[in-house]
PDB file of N, CA and C in Angstrom:
ATOM      1  N   MET A   1       0.890  -1.200   0.038  1.00  0.00           N
ATOM      2  CA  MET A   1       0.012  -0.043   0.060  1.00  0.00           C
ATOM      3  C   MET A   1       0.856   1.277   0.012  1.00  0.00           C
ATOM      4  N   LYS A   2       0.560   2.273  -0.824  1.00  0.00           N
ATOM      5  CA  LYS A   2       1.475   3.425  -0.849  1.00  0.00           C
ATOM      6  C   LYS A   2       0.780   4.446   0.291  1.00  0.00           C
ATOM      7  N   SER A   3       2.050   4.992   0.831  1.00  0.00           N
ATOM      8  CA  SER A   3       1.732   6.015   1.920  1.00  0.00           C
ATOM      9  C   SER A   3       1.519   7.334   1.330  1.00  0.00           C
ATOM     10  N   LEU A   4       0.880   8.221   2.100  1.00  0.00           N
ATOM     11  CA  LEU A   4       0.471   9.544   1.786  1.00  0.00           C
ATOM     12  C   LEU A   4       1.404  10.499   2.491  1.00  0.00           C
ATOM     13  N   PRO A   5       2.303  11.172   1.964  1.00  0.00           N
ATOM     14  CA  PRO A   5       3.126  12.167   2.850  1.00  0.00           C
ATOM     15  C   PRO A   5       2.416  13.342   3.109  1.00  0.00           C
ATOM     16  N   ILE A   6       2.562  13.724   4.346  1.00  0.00           N
ATOM     17  CA  ILE A   6       1.836  14.970   4.786  1.00  0.00           C
ATOM     18  C   ILE A   6       2.746  15.669   5.732  1.00  0.00           C
ATOM     19  N   PRO A   7       3.169  16.953   5.625  1.00  0.00           N
ATOM     20  CA  PRO A   7       3.934  17.701   6.581  1.00  0.00           C
ATOM     21  C   PRO A   7       3.370  17.805   7.962  1.00  0.00           C
ATOM     22  N   ALA A   8       4.127  17.793   8.937  1.00  0.00           N
ATOM     23  CA  ALA A   8       3.529  17.756  10.401  1.00  0.00           C
ATOM     24  C   ALA A   8       2.624  18.961  10.567  1.00  0.00           C
ATOM     25  N   ALA A   9       2.984  20.125   9.985  1.00  0.00           N
ATOM     26  CA  ALA A   9       2.155  21.365  10.304  1.00  0.00           C
ATOM     27  C   ALA A   9       0.779  21.077   9.666  1.00  0.00           C
ATOM     28  N   LYS A  10       0.667  20.398   8.665  1.00  0.00           N
ATOM     29  CA  LYS A  10      -0.640  20.227   7.924  1.00  0.00           C
ATOM     30  C   LYS A  10      -1.481  19.057   8.858  1.00  0.00           C
ATOM     31  N   VAL A  11      -0.714  18.138   9.267  1.00  0.00           N
ATOM     32  CA  VAL A  11      -1.339  17.214  10.164  1.00  0.00           C
ATOM     33  C   VAL A  11      -1.968  17.788  11.343  1.00  0.00           C
ATOM     34  N   ARG A  12      -1.173  18.765  11.992  1.00  0.00           N
ATOM     35  CA  ARG A  12      -1.762  19.439  13.025  1.00  0.00           C
ATOM     36  C   ARG A  12      -3.110  20.192  12.785  1.00  0.00           C
ATOM     37  N   SER A  13      -2.984  20.869  11.706  1.00  0.00           N
ATOM     38  CA  SER A  13      -4.101  21.775  11.348  1.00  0.00           C
ATOM     39  C   SER A  13      -5.366  20.991  10.694  1.00  0.00           C
ATOM     40  N   ASN A  14      -5.157  19.727  10.261  1.00  0.00           N
ATOM     41  CA  ASN A  14      -6.212  18.881   9.715  1.00  0.00           C
ATOM     42  C   ASN A  14      -6.195  17.423  10.424  1.00  0.00           C
ATOM     43  N   PHE A  15      -6.067  17.349  11.726  1.00  0.00           N
ATOM     44  CA  PHE A  15      -5.967  16.157  12.345  1.00  0.00           C
ATOM     45  C   PHE A  15      -7.189  15.223  12.208  1.00  0.00           C
ATOM     46  N   SER A  16      -8.312  15.748  12.277  1.00  0.00           N
ATOM     47  CA  SER A  16      -9.585  15.121  12.091  1.00  0.00           C
ATOM     48  C   SER A  16      -9.689  14.319  10.725  1.00  0.00           C
ATOM     49  N   ASP A  17      -9.311  15.060   9.670  1.00  0.00           N
ATOM     50  CA  ASP A  17      -9.223  14.533   8.386  1.00  0.00           C
ATOM     51  C   ASP A  17      -8.196  13.602   8.133  1.00  0.00           C
ATOM     52  N   VAL A  18      -7.055  13.703   8.933  1.00  0.00           N
ATOM     53  CA  VAL A  18      -5.896  12.813   8.848  1.00  0.00           C
ATOM     54  C   VAL A  18      -6.302  11.380   9.440  1.00  0.00           C
ATOM     55  N   LEU A  19      -7.105  11.553  10.547  1.00  0.00           N
ATOM     56  CA  LEU A  19      -7.488  10.360  11.247  1.00  0.00           C
ATOM     57  C   LEU A  19      -8.572   9.595  10.404  1.00  0.00           C
ATOM     58  N   ASP A  20      -9.413  10.382   9.722  1.00  0.00           N
ATOM     59  CA  ASP A  20     -10.402   9.713   8.807  1.00  0.00           C
ATOM     60  C   ASP A  20      -9.760   9.046   7.718  1.00  0.00           C
ATOM     61  N   ASP A  21      -8.705   9.577   7.199  1.00  0.00           N
ATOM     62  CA  ASP A  21      -7.889   9.054   6.156  1.00  0.00           C
ATOM     63  C   ASP A  21      -7.279   7.622   6.643  1.00  0.00           C
ATOM     64  N   ALA A  22      -6.676   7.746   7.778  1.00  0.00           N
ATOM     65  CA  ALA A  22      -6.049   6.505   8.582  1.00  0.00           C
ATOM     66  C   ALA A  22      -7.192   5.392   8.643  1.00  0.00           C
ATOM     67  N   ARG A  23      -8.256   5.856   9.136  1.00  0.00           N
ATOM     68  CA  ARG A  23      -9.349   4.871   9.428  1.00  0.00           C
ATOM     69  C   ARG A  23      -9.903   4.259   8.113  1.00  0.00           C
ATOM     70  N   SER A  24      -9.739   4.949   7.035  1.00  0.00           N
ATOM     71  CA  SER A  24     -10.189   4.348   5.768  1.00  0.00           C
ATOM     72  C   SER A  24      -9.119   3.449   5.202  1.00  0.00           C
ATOM     73  N   GLY A  25      -8.003   3.316   5.878  1.00  0.00           N
ATOM     74  CA  GLY A  25      -6.992   2.332   5.252  1.00  0.00           C
ATOM     75  C   GLY A  25      -5.714   2.929   4.787  1.00  0.00           C
ATOM     76  N   ARG A  26      -5.819   4.216   4.722  1.00  0.00           N
ATOM     77  CA  ARG A  26      -4.564   4.876   4.160  1.00  0.00           C
ATOM     78  C   ARG A  26      -3.325   5.008   5.217  1.00  0.00           C
ATOM     79  N   ARG A  27      -2.131   4.807   4.761  1.00  0.00           N
ATOM     80  CA  ARG A  27      -0.953   5.029   5.701  1.00  0.00           C
ATOM     81  C   ARG A  27      -0.472   6.420   5.537  1.00  0.00           C
ATOM     82  N   ILE A  28      -0.434   7.116   6.589  1.00  0.00           N
ATOM     83  CA  ILE A  28       0.033   8.597   6.440  1.00  0.00           C
ATOM     84  C   ILE A  28       1.442   8.645   6.914  1.00  0.00           C
ATOM     85  N   ARG A  29       2.352   9.055   6.123  1.00  0.00           N
ATOM     86  CA  ARG A  29       3.728   9.392   6.541  1.00  0.00           C
ATOM     87  C   ARG A  29       3.862  10.887   6.874  1.00  0.00           C
ATOM     88  N   VAL A  30       4.153  11.143   8.010  1.00  0.00           N
ATOM     89  CA  VAL A  30       4.273  12.466   8.630  1.00  0.00           C
ATOM     90  C   VAL A  30       5.653  12.983   8.305  1.00  0.00           C
ATOM     91  N   THR A  31       5.719  14.036   7.712  1.00  0.00           N
ATOM     92  CA  THR A  31       7.111  14.621   7.342  1.00  0.00           C
ATOM     93  C   THR A  31       7.456  15.863   7.940  1.00  0.00           C
ATOM     94  N   ARG A  32       8.862  16.165   8.115  1.00  0.00           N
ATOM     95  CA  ARG A  32       9.186  17.498   8.613  1.00  0.00           C
ATOM     96  C   ARG A  32      10.397  17.818   7.656  1.00  0.00           C
ATOM     97  N   HIS A  33      10.305  18.868   7.062  1.00  0.00           N
ATOM     98  CA  HIS A  33      11.369  19.409   6.128  1.00  0.00           C
ATOM     99  C   HIS A  33      11.503  18.426   5.091  1.00  0.00           C
ATOM    100  N   GLY A  34      10.557  17.718   4.573  1.00  0.00           N
ATOM    101  CA  GLY A  34      10.622  16.685   3.476  1.00  0.00           C
ATOM    102  C   GLY A  34      11.073  15.282   3.907  1.00  0.00           C
ATOM    103  N   LYS A  35      11.412  15.132   5.204  1.00  0.00           N
ATOM    104  CA  LYS A  35      11.814  13.835   5.655  1.00  0.00           C
ATOM    105  C   LYS A  35      10.891  13.102   6.621  1.00  0.00           C
ATOM    106  N   ALA A  36      10.705  11.866   6.481  1.00  0.00           N
ATOM    107  CA  ALA A  36       9.735  11.174   7.435  1.00  0.00           C
ATOM    108  C   ALA A  36      10.058  11.192   8.806  1.00  0.00           C
ATOM    109  N   VAL A  37       9.248  11.434   9.603  1.00  0.00           N
ATOM    110  CA  VAL A  37       9.409  11.514  11.013  1.00  0.00           C
ATOM    111  C   VAL A  37       8.465  10.641  11.810  1.00  0.00           C
ATOM    112  N   GLY A  38       7.470  10.097  11.278  1.00  0.00           N
ATOM    113  CA  GLY A  38       6.452   9.191  11.870  1.00  0.00           C
ATOM    114  C   GLY A  38       5.409   8.749  10.956  1.00  0.00           C
ATOM    115  N   TRP A  39       4.563   8.003  11.353  1.00  0.00           N
ATOM    116  CA  TRP A  39       3.489   7.351  10.711  1.00  0.00           C
ATOM    117  C   TRP A  39       2.228   7.327  11.431  1.00  0.00           C
ATOM    118  N   ILE A  40       1.103   7.534  10.741  1.00  0.00           N
ATOM    119  CA  ILE A  40      -0.230   7.358  11.390  1.00  0.00           C
ATOM    120  C   ILE A  40      -0.995   6.285  10.412  1.00  0.00           C
ATOM    121  N   ILE A  41      -1.315   5.245  11.250  1.00  0.00           N
ATOM    122  CA  ILE A  41      -2.119   4.214  10.544  1.00  0.00           C
ATOM    123  C   ILE A  41      -3.337   3.903  11.281  1.00  0.00           C
ATOM    124  N   GLY A  42      -4.311   3.365  10.731  1.00  0.00           N
ATOM    125  CA  GLY A  42      -5.568   2.929  11.280  1.00  0.00           C
ATOM    126  C   GLY A  42      -5.481   1.801  12.174  1.00  0.00           C
ATOM    127  N   ALA A  43      -6.471   1.539  12.980  1.00  0.00           N
ATOM    128  CA  ALA A  43      -6.480   0.479  14.006  1.00  0.00           C
ATOM    129  C   ALA A  43      -6.463  -0.787  13.248  1.00  0.00           C
ATOM    130  N   GLU A  44      -7.314  -1.072  12.185  1.00  0.00           N
ATOM    131  CA  GLU A  44      -7.250  -2.240  11.474  1.00  0.00           C
ATOM    132  C   GLU A  44      -5.926  -2.549  10.728  1.00  0.00           C
ATOM    133  N   GLU A  45      -5.204  -1.588  10.368  1.00  0.00           N
ATOM    134  CA  GLU A  45      -3.854  -1.685   9.633  1.00  0.00           C
ATOM    135  C   GLU A  45      -2.969  -2.103  10.783  1.00  0.00           C
ATOM    136  N   ARG A  46      -3.055  -1.532  12.032  1.00  0.00           N
ATOM    137  CA  ARG A  46      -2.082  -1.884  13.015  1.00  0.00           C
ATOM    138  C   ARG A  46      -2.212  -3.346  13.443  1.00  0.00           C
ATOM    139  N   GLU A  47      -3.503  -3.826  13.624  1.00  0.00           N
ATOM    140  CA  GLU A  47      -3.860  -5.201  13.977  1.00  0.00           C
ATOM    141  C   GLU A  47      -3.153  -6.176  12.896  1.00  0.00           C
ATOM    142  N   ARG A  48      -3.373  -5.927  11.696  1.00  0.00           N
ATOM    143  CA  ARG A  48      -2.812  -6.646  10.541  1.00  0.00           C
ATOM    144  C   ARG A  48      -1.255  -6.715  10.641  1.00  0.00           C
ATOM    145  N   LEU A  49      -0.635  -5.661  10.815  1.00  0.00           N
ATOM    146  CA  LEU A  49       0.849  -5.564  11.187  1.00  0.00           C
ATOM    147  C   LEU A  49       1.198  -6.478  12.292  1.00  0.00           C
ATOM    148  N   VAL A  50       0.455  -6.405  13.369  1.00  0.00           N
ATOM    149  CA  VAL A  50       0.792  -7.197  14.591  1.00  0.00           C
ATOM    150  C   VAL A  50       0.591  -8.630  14.304  1.00  0.00           C
ATOM    151  N   ARG A  51      -0.401  -9.059  13.725  1.00  0.00           N
ATOM    152  CA  ARG A  51      -0.721 -10.369  13.441  1.00  0.00           C
ATOM    153  C   ARG A  51       0.482 -10.848  12.309  1.00  0.00           C
ATOM    154  N   SER A  52       1.024 -10.075  11.410  1.00  0.00           N
ATOM    155  CA  SER A  52       1.904 -10.500  10.657  1.00  0.00           C
ATOM    156  C   SER A  52       3.247 -10.717  11.266  1.00  0.00           C
ATOM    157  N   GLN A  53       3.605  -9.717  12.160  1.00  0.00           N
ATOM    158  CA  GLN A  53       4.848  -9.858  12.984  1.00  0.00           C
ATOM    159  C   GLN A  53       4.844 -11.076  13.977  1.00  0.00           C
ATOM    160  N   ARG A  54       3.639 -11.355  14.475  1.00  0.00           N
ATOM    161  CA  ARG A  54       3.514 -12.647  15.409  1.00  0.00           C
ATOM    162  C   ARG A  54       3.810 -13.853  14.537  1.00  0.00           C
ATOM    163  N   GLY A  55       3.323 -13.808  13.388  1.00  0.00           N
ATOM    164  CA  GLY A  55       3.518 -14.970  12.432  1.00  0.00           C
ATOM    165  C   GLY A  55       4.988 -15.260  12.083  1.00  0.00           C
ATOM    166  N   LYS A  56       5.654 -14.110  11.902  1.00  0.00           N
ATOM    167  CA  LYS A  56       7.157 -14.219  11.542  1.00  0.00           C
ATOM    168  C   LYS A  56       7.924 -14.646  12.725  1.00  0.00           C
ATOM    169  N   THR A  57       7.605 -14.299  13.924  1.00  0.00           N
ATOM    170  CA  THR A  57       8.204 -14.674  15.102  1.00  0.00           C
ATOM    171  C   THR A  57       7.966 -16.124  15.419  1.00  0.00           C
ATOM    172  N   ALA A  58       6.904 -16.648  15.193  1.00  0.00           N
ATOM    173  CA  ALA A  58       6.550 -17.953  15.302  1.00  0.00           C
ATOM    174  C   ALA A  58       7.361 -18.819  14.343  1.00  0.00           C
ATOM    175  N   ARG A  59       7.281 -18.595  13.094  1.00  0.00           N
ATOM    176  CA  ARG A  59       8.117 -19.285  12.073  1.00  0.00           C
ATOM    177  C   ARG A  59       9.518 -19.349  12.345  1.00  0.00           C
ATOM    178  N   ARG A  60      10.194 -18.325  12.873  1.00  0.00           N
ATOM    179  CA  ARG A  60      11.488 -18.116  13.268  1.00  0.00           C
ATOM    180  C   ARG A  60      11.839 -19.162  14.521  1.00  0.00           C
ATOM    181  N   SER A  61      10.917 -19.160  15.436  1.00  0.00           N
ATOM    182  CA  SER A  61      11.289 -20.087  16.512  1.00  0.00           C
ATOM    183  C   SER A  61      11.101 -21.550  16.186  1.00  0.00           C
ATOM    184  N   ARG A  62      10.219 -21.832  15.218  1.00  0.00           N
ATOM    185  CA  ARG A  62      10.136 -23.093  14.785  1.00  0.00           C
ATOM    186  C   ARG A  62      11.255 -23.547  13.936  1.00  0.00           C
ATOM    187  N   SER A  63      11.901 -22.643  13.297  1.00  0.00           N
ATOM    188  CA  SER A  63      13.052 -23.172  12.285  1.00  0.00           C
ATOM    189  C   SER A  63      14.289 -22.917  13.092  1.00  0.00           C
ATOM    190  N   GLY A  64      14.285 -22.612  14.427  1.00  0.00           N
ATOM    191  CA  GLY A  64      15.582 -22.435  15.148  1.00  0.00           C
ATOM    192  C   GLY A  64      16.284 -21.186  14.890  1.00  0.00           C
ATOM    193  N   GLY A  65      15.484 -20.201  14.593  1.00  0.00           N
ATOM    194  CA  GLY A  65      16.061 -18.825  14.576  1.00  0.00           C
ATOM    195  C   GLY A  65      16.675 -18.540  13.020  1.00  0.00           C
ATOM    196  N   ARG A  66      16.383 -19.358  12.226  1.00  0.00           N
ATOM    197  CA  ARG A  66      17.028 -19.140  10.790  1.00  0.00           C
ATOM    198  C   ARG A  66      15.881 -18.874   9.801  1.00  0.00           C
TER     199      ARG A  66
END
């Protein structure tokens, strides 16, 4: 999924809209001076990432860490 870069100042002034975008499934890359400083993602996206990470950890432990 492609991220949507938004300057931090714009995030502050449009926070409600940014949250709506995140809730709808967009990944928002918060930037300052053109460089990424953080991300805003929706709750469903976070849960998907957590499940994915748990699966990777479980596979690694079954294979002896390789």
